[in-house]
Protein backbone atom coordinates (compact mmCIF):
# COMPACT_ATOMS: atom_id res chain seq x y z
CA MET A 1 8.17 -13.12 19.95
CA GLY A 2 4.90 -13.66 21.78
CA ILE A 3 6.59 -14.85 24.98
CA ILE A 4 9.28 -12.13 24.81
CA SER A 5 6.70 -9.39 24.32
CA LYS A 6 4.68 -10.71 27.28
CA VAL A 7 7.77 -10.91 29.50
CA ILE A 8 9.14 -7.51 28.49
CA GLY A 9 5.84 -5.71 28.10
CA GLY A 10 4.98 -5.10 24.41
CA PRO A 11 6.50 -3.67 21.24
CA ALA A 12 7.21 -0.26 22.76
CA ALA A 13 9.16 -1.85 25.61
CA VAL A 14 11.12 -4.03 23.16
CA GLY A 15 12.08 -0.89 21.20
CA ALA A 16 13.09 0.91 24.39
CA LEU A 17 15.14 -2.10 25.49
CA GLY A 18 16.89 -2.17 22.10
CA GLU A 19 17.74 1.54 22.36
CA ALA A 20 19.05 1.00 25.89
CA ALA A 21 21.24 -1.89 24.71
CA LYS A 22 22.55 0.31 21.88
CA GLY A 23 23.41 3.06 24.36
CA VAL A 24 25.23 0.64 26.63
CA ALA A 25 27.12 -0.86 23.68
CA GLU A 26 28.25 2.60 22.55
CA ILE A 27 29.86 3.17 25.94
CA PHE A 28 32.24 0.28 25.36
CA VAL A 29 32.59 0.55 21.55
CA PRO A 30 32.09 4.06 20.12
CA SER A 31 29.82 4.34 17.12
CA ALA A 32 31.92 4.36 13.97
CA THR A 33 29.10 6.06 12.09
CA ARG A 34 28.87 8.88 14.61
CA ARG A 35 32.65 9.26 14.58
CA MET A 36 32.58 9.60 10.77
CA GLU A 37 29.71 12.11 10.99
CA LEU A 38 31.63 14.24 13.50
CA SER A 39 34.77 14.02 11.37
CA ALA A 40 32.84 15.10 8.27
CA GLU A 41 31.25 18.00 10.17
CA ALA A 42 34.65 19.18 11.41
CA GLN A 43 36.13 18.92 7.93
CA MET A 44 33.23 20.82 6.38
CA ALA A 45 33.55 23.55 9.03
CA ALA A 46 37.25 23.90 8.23
CA LEU A 47 36.53 24.03 4.50
CA ARG A 48 33.81 26.65 5.02
CA GLN A 49 36.23 28.77 7.04
CA LEU A 50 38.90 28.42 4.37
CA GLY A 51 36.36 29.22 1.65
CA GLU A 52 35.24 32.38 3.44
CA GLU A 53 38.85 33.46 3.68
CA TYR A 54 39.25 33.32 -0.10
CA GLN A 55 35.71 34.30 -1.08
CA HIS A 56 36.56 37.80 -2.30
CA PRO A 57 40.28 38.09 -2.89
CA ALA A 58 41.46 41.65 -3.35
CA LEU A 59 44.09 41.35 -6.05
CA SER A 60 46.67 44.11 -5.84
CA TRP A 61 49.37 44.73 -8.43
CA PHE A 62 51.73 42.59 -6.32
CA ASP A 63 49.26 39.65 -6.28
CA ARG A 64 48.83 39.86 -10.05
CA MET A 65 52.61 40.01 -10.54
CA ILE A 66 53.19 36.93 -8.34
CA ASN A 67 50.40 35.05 -10.13
CA GLY A 68 52.13 35.87 -13.42
CA LEU A 69 55.49 34.69 -12.08
CA ASN A 70 53.89 31.46 -10.87
CA ARG A 71 52.82 30.72 -14.43
CA MET A 72 56.34 31.16 -15.85
CA PRO A 73 58.37 28.04 -14.80
CA ARG A 74 56.55 25.45 -16.91
CA PRO A 75 56.78 27.33 -20.21
CA LEU A 76 60.37 28.35 -19.46
CA LEU A 77 61.37 24.73 -18.76
CA ALA A 78 59.64 23.48 -21.90
CA PHE A 79 60.97 26.17 -24.23
CA GLY A 80 64.40 26.07 -22.56
CA THR A 81 64.69 22.36 -23.28
CA LEU A 82 63.72 22.88 -26.90
CA GLY A 83 66.21 25.76 -27.04
CA LEU A 84 68.99 23.42 -25.86
CA PHE A 85 68.30 21.10 -28.79
CA VAL A 86 68.42 24.03 -31.21
CA TYR A 87 71.62 25.34 -29.57
CA ALA A 88 73.23 21.88 -29.88
CA MET A 89 72.48 21.85 -33.62
CA VAL A 90 73.55 25.47 -34.28
CA ASP A 91 76.82 25.46 -32.32
CA PRO A 92 77.80 21.93 -31.26
CA GLU A 93 81.24 22.91 -29.97
CA ALA A 94 79.91 25.61 -27.60
CA PHE A 95 77.14 23.24 -26.51
CA ALA A 96 79.73 20.57 -25.66
CA HIS A 97 81.68 23.08 -23.55
CA ARG A 98 78.49 24.00 -21.64
CA MET A 99 77.71 20.33 -21.01
CA ILE A 100 81.23 19.79 -19.66
CA GLY A 101 80.53 22.66 -17.27
CA LEU A 102 77.29 20.98 -16.17
CA ASN A 103 79.24 17.80 -15.53
CA ALA A 104 81.30 19.71 -12.93
CA VAL A 105 78.18 20.47 -10.84
CA PRO A 106 78.27 18.40 -7.60
CA GLU A 107 75.75 15.61 -7.21
CA PRO A 108 74.00 17.06 -4.09
CA LEU A 109 73.16 20.18 -6.09
CA TRP A 110 71.51 18.02 -8.76
CA TRP A 111 69.48 16.30 -6.03
CA LEU A 112 68.39 19.70 -4.72
CA LEU A 113 67.37 20.84 -8.19
CA GLY A 114 65.43 17.60 -8.70
CA ALA A 115 63.62 18.04 -5.39
CA ILE A 116 62.65 21.62 -6.21
CA VAL A 117 61.29 20.68 -9.64
CA ALA A 118 59.49 17.61 -8.24
CA PHE A 119 57.84 19.60 -5.45
CA TYR A 120 56.82 22.34 -7.86
CA PHE A 121 55.16 19.99 -10.33
CA GLY A 122 53.81 17.79 -7.53
CA ALA A 123 52.13 20.80 -5.91
CA ARG A 124 50.59 21.84 -9.23
CA GLU A 125 49.33 18.31 -9.88
CA THR A 126 47.85 18.15 -6.38
CA TRP A 127 46.11 21.49 -6.91
CA TYR A 128 44.56 20.27 -10.19
CA PHE A 129 43.61 16.96 -8.59
CA ARG A 130 41.82 18.67 -5.70
CA ASN A 131 40.01 21.18 -7.91
CA ARG A 132 38.81 18.84 -10.65
CA GLY A 133 35.12 18.55 -11.43
CA VAL A 134 33.25 15.75 -9.72
CA VAL A 135 31.09 13.56 -11.94
CA SER A 136 27.82 12.80 -10.21
CA PRO A 137 24.66 10.99 -11.34
CA TYR A 138 22.73 13.89 -9.83
CA ALA A 139 24.42 16.44 -12.09
CA ALA A 140 22.35 15.33 -15.10
CA GLY A 141 19.22 16.82 -13.56
CA GLY A 142 17.50 13.67 -12.37
CA THR A 143 17.99 11.73 -9.18
CA ALA A 144 19.40 8.24 -9.03
CA ALA A 145 16.01 6.93 -7.93
CA GLU A 146 14.42 8.27 -11.14
CA GLU A 147 17.04 6.50 -13.23
CA ASN A 148 16.70 3.14 -11.45
CA ALA A 149 13.72 1.28 -12.93
CA ALA A 150 13.99 -1.66 -10.50
CA LEU A 151 13.83 0.71 -7.55
CA GLN A 152 10.78 2.43 -9.02
CA ASP A 153 9.03 -0.94 -9.47
CA TRP A 154 9.88 -1.97 -5.89
CA ARG A 155 8.51 1.30 -4.48
CA ALA A 156 5.34 1.00 -6.55
CA ALA A 157 4.76 -2.55 -5.29
CA GLY A 158 5.29 -1.57 -1.63
């Protein structure tokens, strides 16, 4: 390093040369870190805008009614299925006639029904997945550095 520092001109010049080389390298290969930072900033700006949009929802009677209707399909499907079992035990002959009628439904209509049910439950699962609580070591009140004894020893020695 002694010869390099004499040729280049000292530690400050070596640092400046390193920064210049970094700048030239970023012209040919963009910084992945900077790209991720910009992407995160854009995503956070979009989330902030979306959050502001729903910050104070004014729920009218129509909004409350639609929210109530949105909560109906799952219980209706569950209780309806249980009701079919009860119906089959109470009146097996009428149940058999109804099932013969279901057998006459064309296959594309069954595919459409399956797609609707799958998208409904998939959207609900996605909503719950996105809005679940995040477990963080910082949520307990302390920082990760306070919990890491080896890191504390290393900092104390340095």
